Each structure stands twice: as C-alpha cells, then as structure tokens.
Amino acid sequence: MYMNYASKQDKSEPLQQIMDGGRALLIAAGKLSNLPGFYQDLASTHHIIAVDGGLRHLRDLNLPPTIVVGDLDSATEAELEWASENNAEIVLITTQSESDLDKALNLCHQRELNDVIVDGIEGGRHDHFIGVLAALADGHPSLNICANLPSTKLSRFVVGFSGKIKINGTFSVFSFGKSKVTLSGSEWELNNDNVIFSTRGLSNLCNEEAELTVHGGDPVFLLINF
C-alpha cells in the first residue's frame, strides 16, 4: 500500500511514481558505518531513501530524503513532517509479512533504482541483523546491492556475475543457500565449487584483486574488511 503523507488521497489508489533510474542510498535505523564513507557514497547518489526509522539520521544531518518508506512505526510525526516539508515522497506500506528493508529494496526494483547502497544496518538486535542479511539476499536479482558496515564492505553478487574485484587484505565469501562459484587471485581459490552457508569461505586473503564468477544457485556475499 502506497500513500503520500502530505496528501489526503485514497490509500487504495496507487501512488504516482515521482522518479525512476539512478543510484539509491538507503538509510536504515541502525548505526551508520562512518561519516566520511557516508558522504562519499552520498556524492555519487541520485536518491536518498529513508527506511522508516532511518529518517532520524537524515534529519540529524539535515539531509532531506527523496523517499521515506516502511510501515512508519519508528519514524516520528515530527520527522515525517520535516521530510514532507522538504518534498520527500512518503510511501506507507503497512504489510507485516516483510521487513521495512525488504519494502525499500522492492521499491528500488519497481523504480529501476538498480544500484543500491545500504547503510545504518548494524548496531541493533542480532535477530534484526540476520533479517537484514536475509533481505539483502532476497532482493531482486536486477539490483546491484552493497552495504556499509563500520569496518566491512558487503557486496551481493547474483548468478551471471563475473569480474575482478579490488581487495587488499582479508575477506570472506558466503552463501545463504547453495552457490556454484569460481574464485581466483586469492590465497584460497575455488574452481566451480559449491559454496553453502558454512565457514568454508571465512577469512581469505588477497593482496591486489580477485576474480569472482557466480555460475549458478543463490546469491553470494563478499565481505571485504578494512
């Protein structure tokens, strides 16, 4: 269900999409990774999307979002009014069968915001963080998803990806299902091997760049430490 907070339109009417295309920076309600990295991502971002309670961070930084999305049970009335006064689109989705991050990622897919950076996902309850990882894994395959953590860069790769990745230090590769992966250029390599949710891909090492190919199966998470 979509609605504009500032309008009185019938909630049953589909909300007209006010933008599509470009890169989106999603801000959730957890701890922001680090402000220098945040502003670096901001410089290359076309749209800022507040994921419900993540609106608090943006108001504190005086950075009005393009969109606020979620069931809006964490954003305050004052925060929503501030966003609306600054021309943000407020998208209320009341269903409880998916998390607010799920809703935000689905909206990115619908709006063709295919390059997605997520911040503010750590520092809360452990079950919420596992839910965040599940949402990132379940995001539509068309989405190029990265997430910032305080000391780690997380990237999701889906079937069909093949490319070189700059890595200087330790990194890990995980799948939340079963993925067929080739990895070269690292201390421990994979050759069309099955990667499952296990510790097999934990704490690898690369000093320049690695080449990753996802041949089949579920999405793969690459976590680069810095």
C-alpha atoms as a PDB file:
ATOM      1  CA  MET A   1       0.000   0.000   0.000  1.00  0.00           C
ATOM      2  CA  TYR A   2       1.465   3.378  -1.008  1.00  0.00           C
ATOM      3  CA  MET A   3       0.396   6.814   0.113  1.00  0.00           C
ATOM      4  CA  ASN A   4       1.715  10.351   0.184  1.00  0.00           C
ATOM      5  CA  TYR A   5       1.918  11.557   3.774  1.00  0.00           C
ATOM      6  CA  ALA A   6       1.208  15.120   2.755  1.00  0.00           C
ATOM      7  CA  SER A   7      -1.881  14.315   0.709  1.00  0.00           C
ATOM      8  CA  LYS A   8      -5.370  13.133   1.548  1.00  0.00           C
ATOM      9  CA  GLN A   9      -5.694  10.790  -1.405  1.00  0.00           C
ATOM     10  CA  ASP A  10      -7.456   7.461  -1.068  1.00  0.00           C
ATOM     11  CA  LYS A  11      -4.930   4.921   0.278  1.00  0.00           C
ATOM     12  CA  SER A  12      -6.296   2.369  -2.156  1.00  0.00           C
ATOM     13  CA  GLU A  13      -5.079   4.445  -5.112  1.00  0.00           C
ATOM     14  CA  PRO A  14      -1.611   3.626  -6.439  1.00  0.00           C
ATOM     15  CA  LEU A  15       0.789   6.461  -5.768  1.00  0.00           C
ATOM     16  CA  GLN A  16       2.227   8.020  -8.911  1.00  0.00           C
ATOM     17  CA  GLN A  17       5.942   7.337  -9.166  1.00  0.00           C
ATOM     18  CA  ILE A  18       7.853  10.608  -8.996  1.00  0.00           C
ATOM     19  CA  MET A  19      11.227   9.264 -10.171  1.00  0.00           C
ATOM     20  CA  ASP A  20      12.969   6.277 -11.623  1.00  0.00           C
ATOM     21  CA  GLY A  21      16.500   5.272 -12.530  1.00  0.00           C
ATOM     22  CA  GLY A  22      19.813   6.082 -10.892  1.00  0.00           C
ATOM     23  CA  ARG A  23      21.648   5.064  -7.737  1.00  0.00           C
ATOM     24  CA  ALA A  24      19.904   4.903  -4.370  1.00  0.00           C
ATOM     25  CA  LEU A  25      21.378   5.280  -0.892  1.00  0.00           C
ATOM     26  CA  LEU A  26      19.160   3.504   1.651  1.00  0.00           C
ATOM     27  CA  ILE A  27      19.481   4.653   5.265  1.00  0.00           C
ATOM     28  CA  ALA A  28      18.165   2.279   7.918  1.00  0.00           C
ATOM     29  CA  ALA A  29      17.747   2.945  11.632  1.00  0.00           C
ATOM     30  CA  GLY A  30      20.912   1.201  12.865  1.00  0.00           C
ATOM     31  CA  LYS A  31      24.365   2.638  13.381  1.00  0.00           C
ATOM     32  CA  LEU A  32      25.802   4.484  10.388  1.00  0.00           C
ATOM     33  CA  SER A  33      29.055   2.960   9.158  1.00  0.00           C
ATOM     34  CA  ASN A  34      31.224   6.096   9.236  1.00  0.00           C
ATOM     35  CA  LEU A  35      30.541   9.654   8.171  1.00  0.00           C
ATOM     36  CA  PRO A  36      33.444  10.053   5.686  1.00  0.00           C
ATOM     37  CA  GLY A  37      32.316   6.933   3.833  1.00  0.00           C
ATOM     38  CA  PHE A  38      28.694   8.027   4.104  1.00  0.00           C
ATOM     39  CA  TYR A  39      29.386  11.389   2.474  1.00  0.00           C
ATOM     40  CA  GLN A  40      31.500   9.725  -0.208  1.00  0.00           C
ATOM     41  CA  ASP A  41      28.546   7.499  -1.140  1.00  0.00           C
ATOM     42  CA  LEU A  42      26.241  10.497  -0.936  1.00  0.00           C
ATOM     43  CA  ALA A  43      28.284  12.312  -3.582  1.00  0.00           C
ATOM     44  CA  SER A  44      27.532   9.593  -6.140  1.00  0.00           C
ATOM     45  CA  THR A  45      23.889   9.063  -5.167  1.00  0.00           C
ATOM     46  CA  HIS A  46      20.843  10.202  -7.118  1.00  0.00           C
ATOM     47  CA  HIS A  47      18.227   9.396  -4.467  1.00  0.00           C
ATOM     48  CA  ILE A  48      18.311   9.137  -0.678  1.00  0.00           C
ATOM     49  CA  ILE A  49      15.761   6.713   0.737  1.00  0.00           C
ATOM     50  CA  ALA A  50      14.982   6.685   4.460  1.00  0.00           C
ATOM     51  CA  VAL A  51      13.983   3.212   5.624  1.00  0.00           C
ATOM     52  CA  ASP A  52      11.441   4.091   8.323  1.00  0.00           C
ATOM     53  CA  GLY A  53      13.446   4.978  11.471  1.00  0.00           C
ATOM     54  CA  GLY A  54      16.488   5.785   9.351  1.00  0.00           C
ATOM     55  CA  LEU A  55      14.803   9.139   8.813  1.00  0.00           C
ATOM     56  CA  ARG A  56      16.207  10.177  12.214  1.00  0.00           C
ATOM     57  CA  HIS A  57      19.779  10.033  10.894  1.00  0.00           C
ATOM     58  CA  LEU A  58      18.905  12.183   7.904  1.00  0.00           C
ATOM     59  CA  ARG A  59      17.124  14.774   9.997  1.00  0.00           C
ATOM     60  CA  ASP A  60      20.087  14.950  12.392  1.00  0.00           C
ATOM     61  CA  LEU A  61      22.378  15.520   9.383  1.00  0.00           C
ATOM     62  CA  ASN A  62      19.864  17.897   7.740  1.00  0.00           C
ATOM     63  CA  LEU A  63      19.814  15.766   4.583  1.00  0.00           C
ATOM     64  CA  PRO A  64      16.219  15.514   3.350  1.00  0.00           C
ATOM     65  CA  PRO A  65      15.442  12.184   1.671  1.00  0.00           C
ATOM     66  CA  THR A  66      13.862  11.688  -1.707  1.00  0.00           C
ATOM     67  CA  ILE A  67      11.617   8.946  -0.279  1.00  0.00           C
ATOM     68  CA  VAL A  68      10.627   7.634   3.143  1.00  0.00           C
ATOM     69  CA  VAL A  69       9.383   4.036   3.021  1.00  0.00           C
ATOM     70  CA  GLY A  70       8.130   1.470   5.522  1.00  0.00           C
ATOM     71  CA  ASP A  71       5.277   0.907   7.929  1.00  0.00           C
ATOM     72  CA  LEU A  72       6.379   4.168   9.604  1.00  0.00           C
ATOM     73  CA  ASP A  73       6.098   2.836  13.145  1.00  0.00           C
ATOM     74  CA  SER A  74       9.590   4.086  14.020  1.00  0.00           C
ATOM     75  CA  ALA A  75       9.665   7.496  12.329  1.00  0.00           C
ATOM     76  CA  THR A  76       8.104  10.234  14.475  1.00  0.00           C
ATOM     77  CA  GLU A  77       5.394  12.602  13.326  1.00  0.00           C
ATOM     78  CA  ALA A  78       7.862  15.491  13.559  1.00  0.00           C
ATOM     79  CA  GLU A  79      10.375  13.638  11.370  1.00  0.00           C
ATOM     80  CA  LEU A  80       7.719  12.787   8.792  1.00  0.00           C
ATOM     81  CA  GLU A  81       6.508  16.394   8.730  1.00  0.00           C
ATOM     82  CA  TRP A  82      10.111  17.579   8.215  1.00  0.00           C
ATOM     83  CA  ALA A  83      10.547  15.143   5.335  1.00  0.00           C
ATOM     84  CA  SER A  84       7.251  16.142   3.748  1.00  0.00           C
ATOM     85  CA  GLU A  85       8.056  19.847   4.087  1.00  0.00           C
ATOM     86  CA  ASN A  86      11.276  19.121   2.208  1.00  0.00           C
ATOM     87  CA  ASN A  87       9.362  17.498  -0.678  1.00  0.00           C
ATOM     88  CA  ALA A  88      10.050  13.878   0.222  1.00  0.00           C
ATOM     89  CA  GLU A  89       7.667  11.248  -1.066  1.00  0.00           C
ATOM     90  CA  ILE A  90       6.254   9.272   1.865  1.00  0.00           C
ATOM     91  CA  VAL A  91       5.481   5.657   0.969  1.00  0.00           C
ATOM     92  CA  LEU A  92       3.488   3.853   3.640  1.00  0.00           C
ATOM     93  CA  ILE A  93       3.462   0.046   3.296  1.00  0.00           C
ATOM     94  CA  THR A  94       1.607  -1.480   6.204  1.00  0.00           C
ATOM     95  CA  THR A  95       2.036  -5.188   5.480  1.00  0.00           C
ATOM     96  CA  GLN A  96       3.970  -7.047   8.186  1.00  0.00           C
ATOM     97  CA  SER A  97       4.967 -10.047   6.065  1.00  0.00           C
ATOM     98  CA  GLU A  98       8.235  -8.381   5.099  1.00  0.00           C
ATOM     99  CA  SER A  99      10.666  -6.023   6.801  1.00  0.00           C
ATOM    100  CA  ASP A 100      10.986  -2.323   6.035  1.00  0.00           C
ATOM    101  CA  LEU A 101      14.294  -3.030   4.263  1.00  0.00           C
ATOM    102  CA  ASP A 102      12.506  -5.622   2.100  1.00  0.00           C
ATOM    103  CA  LYS A 103       9.963  -2.957   1.219  1.00  0.00           C
ATOM    104  CA  ALA A 104      12.662  -0.436   0.366  1.00  0.00           C
ATOM    105  CA  LEU A 105      14.526  -2.901  -1.858  1.00  0.00           C
ATOM    106  CA  ASN A 106      11.283  -3.878  -3.621  1.00  0.00           C
ATOM    107  CA  LEU A 107      10.589  -0.203  -4.228  1.00  0.00           C
ATOM    108  CA  CYS A 108      14.065   0.238  -5.707  1.00  0.00           C
ATOM    109  CA  HIS A 109      13.342  -2.612  -8.116  1.00  0.00           C
ATOM    110  CA  GLN A 110       9.985  -1.123  -9.085  1.00  0.00           C
ATOM    111  CA  ARG A 111      11.544   2.297  -9.687  1.00  0.00           C
ATOM    112  CA  GLU A 112      14.523   0.822 -11.572  1.00  0.00           C
ATOM    113  CA  LEU A 113      16.979   2.098  -8.983  1.00  0.00           C
ATOM    114  CA  ASN A 114      19.263  -0.809  -9.693  1.00  0.00           C
ATOM    115  CA  ASP A 115      22.431   0.428  -7.951  1.00  0.00           C
ATOM    116  CA  VAL A 116      21.753   0.286  -4.230  1.00  0.00           C
ATOM    117  CA  ILE A 117      23.954   1.170  -1.262  1.00  0.00           C
ATOM    118  CA  VAL A 118      22.612   0.371   2.205  1.00  0.00           C
ATOM    119  CA  ASP A 119      23.809   1.984   5.435  1.00  0.00           C
ATOM    120  CA  GLY A 120      22.593   2.007   9.020  1.00  0.00           C
ATOM    121  CA  ILE A 121      22.076  -1.754   9.305  1.00  0.00           C
ATOM    122  CA  GLU A 122      24.296  -2.646  12.268  1.00  0.00           C
ATOM    123  CA  GLY A 123      24.256  -1.970  15.992  1.00  0.00           C
ATOM    124  CA  GLY A 124      20.812  -3.244  16.921  1.00  0.00           C
ATOM    125  CA  ARG A 125      19.361  -6.624  17.817  1.00  0.00           C
ATOM    126  CA  HIS A 126      21.126  -9.682  16.455  1.00  0.00           C
ATOM    127  CA  ASP A 127      17.928 -11.140  15.016  1.00  0.00           C
ATOM    128  CA  HIS A 128      17.305  -7.888  13.187  1.00  0.00           C
ATOM    129  CA  PHE A 129      20.771  -8.052  11.649  1.00  0.00           C
ATOM    130  CA  ILE A 130      20.171 -11.602  10.428  1.00  0.00           C
ATOM    131  CA  GLY A 131      16.905 -10.324   8.978  1.00  0.00           C
ATOM    132  CA  VAL A 132      18.853  -7.584   7.193  1.00  0.00           C
ATOM    133  CA  LEU A 133      21.116 -10.177   5.569  1.00  0.00           C
ATOM    134  CA  ALA A 134      18.048 -12.190   4.540  1.00  0.00           C
ATOM    135  CA  ALA A 135      16.518  -9.086   2.951  1.00  0.00           C
ATOM    136  CA  LEU A 136      19.732  -8.380   1.033  1.00  0.00           C
ATOM    137  CA  ALA A 137      19.835 -11.989  -0.171  1.00  0.00           C
ATOM    138  CA  ASP A 138      16.181 -11.884  -1.256  1.00  0.00           C
ATOM    139  CA  GLY A 139      16.433  -8.588  -3.154  1.00  0.00           C
ATOM    140  CA  HIS A 140      15.545  -8.803  -6.829  1.00  0.00           C
ATOM    141  CA  PRO A 141      18.440 -10.131  -8.967  1.00  0.00           C
ATOM    142  CA  SER A 142      18.431  -6.939 -11.031  1.00  0.00           C
ATOM    143  CA  LEU A 143      19.652  -4.982  -8.000  1.00  0.00           C
ATOM    144  CA  ASN A 144      23.360  -4.350  -7.587  1.00  0.00           C
ATOM    145  CA  ILE A 145      23.476  -4.261  -3.764  1.00  0.00           C
ATOM    146  CA  CYS A 146      26.278  -3.115  -1.500  1.00  0.00           C
ATOM    147  CA  ALA A 147      26.110  -2.408   2.222  1.00  0.00           C
ATOM    148  CA  ASN A 148      28.407  -0.440   4.502  1.00  0.00           C
ATOM    149  CA  LEU A 149      29.355  -1.744   7.930  1.00  0.00           C
ATOM    150  CA  PRO A 150      31.685   0.050  10.365  1.00  0.00           C
ATOM    151  CA  SER A 151      34.755  -1.973   9.312  1.00  0.00           C
ATOM    152  CA  THR A 152      33.499  -4.009   6.353  1.00  0.00           C
ATOM    153  CA  LYS A 153      32.127  -3.516   2.837  1.00  0.00           C
ATOM    154  CA  LEU A 154      29.475  -6.092   1.910  1.00  0.00           C
ATOM    155  CA  SER A 155      28.609  -6.782  -1.722  1.00  0.00           C
ATOM    156  CA  ARG A 156      26.000  -9.151  -3.118  1.00  0.00           C
ATOM    157  CA  PHE A 157      26.618 -10.989  -6.395  1.00  0.00           C
ATOM    158  CA  VAL A 158      23.986 -12.969  -8.257  1.00  0.00           C
ATOM    159  CA  VAL A 159      24.129 -15.670 -10.910  1.00  0.00           C
ATOM    160  CA  GLY A 160      25.820 -14.417 -14.059  1.00  0.00           C
ATOM    161  CA  PHE A 161      28.281 -12.105 -12.348  1.00  0.00           C
ATOM    162  CA  SER A 162      31.889 -12.465 -13.438  1.00  0.00           C
ATOM    163  CA  GLY A 163      34.505  -9.835 -12.780  1.00  0.00           C
ATOM    164  CA  LYS A 164      37.595  -8.621 -10.977  1.00  0.00           C
ATOM    165  CA  ILE A 165      37.320  -7.077  -7.520  1.00  0.00           C
ATOM    166  CA  LYS A 166      39.968  -4.975  -5.804  1.00  0.00           C
ATOM    167  CA  ILE A 167      40.836  -6.496  -2.426  1.00  0.00           C
ATOM    168  CA  ASN A 168      43.824  -5.666  -0.260  1.00  0.00           C
ATOM    169  CA  GLY A 169      43.568  -7.710   2.902  1.00  0.00           C
ATOM    170  CA  THR A 170      41.165 -10.213   4.410  1.00  0.00           C
ATOM    171  CA  PHE A 171      37.752 -11.029   3.009  1.00  0.00           C
ATOM    172  CA  SER A 172      35.091 -13.739   3.252  1.00  0.00           C
ATOM    173  CA  VAL A 173      32.633 -15.339   0.853  1.00  0.00           C
ATOM    174  CA  PHE A 174      29.268 -16.722   1.989  1.00  0.00           C
ATOM    175  CA  SER A 175      26.074 -18.073   0.513  1.00  0.00           C
ATOM    176  CA  PHE A 176      22.821 -18.329   2.427  1.00  0.00           C
ATOM    177  CA  GLY A 177      21.822 -21.217   0.201  1.00  0.00           C
ATOM    178  CA  LYS A 178      23.956 -23.105  -2.304  1.00  0.00           C
ATOM    179  CA  SER A 179      26.000 -21.343  -4.961  1.00  0.00           C
ATOM    180  CA  LYS A 180      28.377 -22.536  -7.670  1.00  0.00           C
ATOM    181  CA  VAL A 181      31.427 -20.269  -7.510  1.00  0.00           C
ATOM    182  CA  THR A 182      34.859 -19.782  -9.059  1.00  0.00           C
ATOM    183  CA  LEU A 183      37.323 -17.557  -7.180  1.00  0.00           C
ATOM    184  CA  SER A 184      40.893 -16.862  -8.274  1.00  0.00           C
ATOM    185  CA  GLY A 185      43.656 -14.472  -7.260  1.00  0.00           C
ATOM    186  CA  SER A 186      43.221 -15.153  -3.539  1.00  0.00           C
ATOM    187  CA  GLU A 187      45.167 -17.330  -1.131  1.00  0.00           C
ATOM    188  CA  TRP A 188      42.440 -19.972  -1.185  1.00  0.00           C
ATOM    189  CA  GLU A 189      40.728 -20.416  -4.516  1.00  0.00           C
ATOM    190  CA  LEU A 190      37.533 -22.056  -5.736  1.00  0.00           C
ATOM    191  CA  ASN A 191      37.013 -23.770  -9.082  1.00  0.00           C
ATOM    192  CA  ASN A 192      33.342 -24.171  -9.911  1.00  0.00           C
ATOM    193  CA  ASP A 193      32.841 -25.296  -6.316  1.00  0.00           C
ATOM    194  CA  ASN A 194      29.701 -25.339  -4.207  1.00  0.00           C
ATOM    195  CA  VAL A 195      29.565 -22.629  -1.546  1.00  0.00           C
ATOM    196  CA  ILE A 196      26.950 -23.110   1.174  1.00  0.00           C
ATOM    197  CA  PHE A 197      26.181 -21.418   4.479  1.00  0.00           C
ATOM    198  CA  SER A 198      29.316 -22.621   6.250  1.00  0.00           C
ATOM    199  CA  THR A 199      32.716 -21.364   7.377  1.00  0.00           C
ATOM    200  CA  ARG A 200      34.493 -22.589   4.234  1.00  0.00           C
ATOM    201  CA  GLY A 201      34.726 -19.107   2.771  1.00  0.00           C
ATOM    202  CA  LEU A 202      35.698 -17.394   6.018  1.00  0.00           C
ATOM    203  CA  SER A 203      38.834 -15.219   6.277  1.00  0.00           C
ATOM    204  CA  ASN A 204      40.515 -15.482   2.894  1.00  0.00           C
ATOM    205  CA  LEU A 205      43.359 -13.192   1.785  1.00  0.00           C
ATOM    206  CA  CYS A 206      44.086 -11.164  -1.329  1.00  0.00           C
ATOM    207  CA  ASN A 207      46.752  -8.520  -1.924  1.00  0.00           C
ATOM    208  CA  GLU A 208      45.550  -6.842  -5.112  1.00  0.00           C
ATOM    209  CA  GLU A 209      42.470  -8.164  -6.878  1.00  0.00           C
ATOM    210  CA  ALA A 210      40.451 -11.344  -7.076  1.00  0.00           C
ATOM    211  CA  GLU A 211      38.249 -12.647  -9.863  1.00  0.00           C
ATOM    212  CA  LEU A 212      34.822 -13.963  -8.911  1.00  0.00           C
ATOM    213  CA  THR A 213      32.285 -15.835 -11.021  1.00  0.00           C
ATOM    214  CA  VAL A 214      28.868 -16.954  -9.786  1.00  0.00           C
ATOM    215  CA  HIS A 215      27.871 -19.805 -12.098  1.00  0.00           C
ATOM    216  CA  GLY A 216      24.599 -20.817 -10.501  1.00  0.00           C
ATOM    217  CA  GLY A 217      22.475 -21.104  -7.394  1.00  0.00           C
ATOM    218  CA  ASP A 218      21.833 -18.485  -4.742  1.00  0.00           C
ATOM    219  CA  PRO A 219      23.401 -15.023  -4.335  1.00  0.00           C
ATOM    220  CA  VAL A 220      26.903 -14.773  -2.905  1.00  0.00           C
ATOM    221  CA  PHE A 221      28.008 -12.280  -0.254  1.00  0.00           C
ATOM    222  CA  LEU A 222      31.542 -10.903  -0.377  1.00  0.00           C
ATOM    223  CA  LEU A 223      32.671  -9.112   2.779  1.00  0.00           C
ATOM    224  CA  ILE A 224      35.882  -7.072   2.472  1.00  0.00           C
ATOM    225  CA  ASN A 225      37.470  -5.935   5.740  1.00  0.00           C
ATOM    226  CA  PHE A 226      39.326  -2.663   6.089  1.00  0.00           C
END
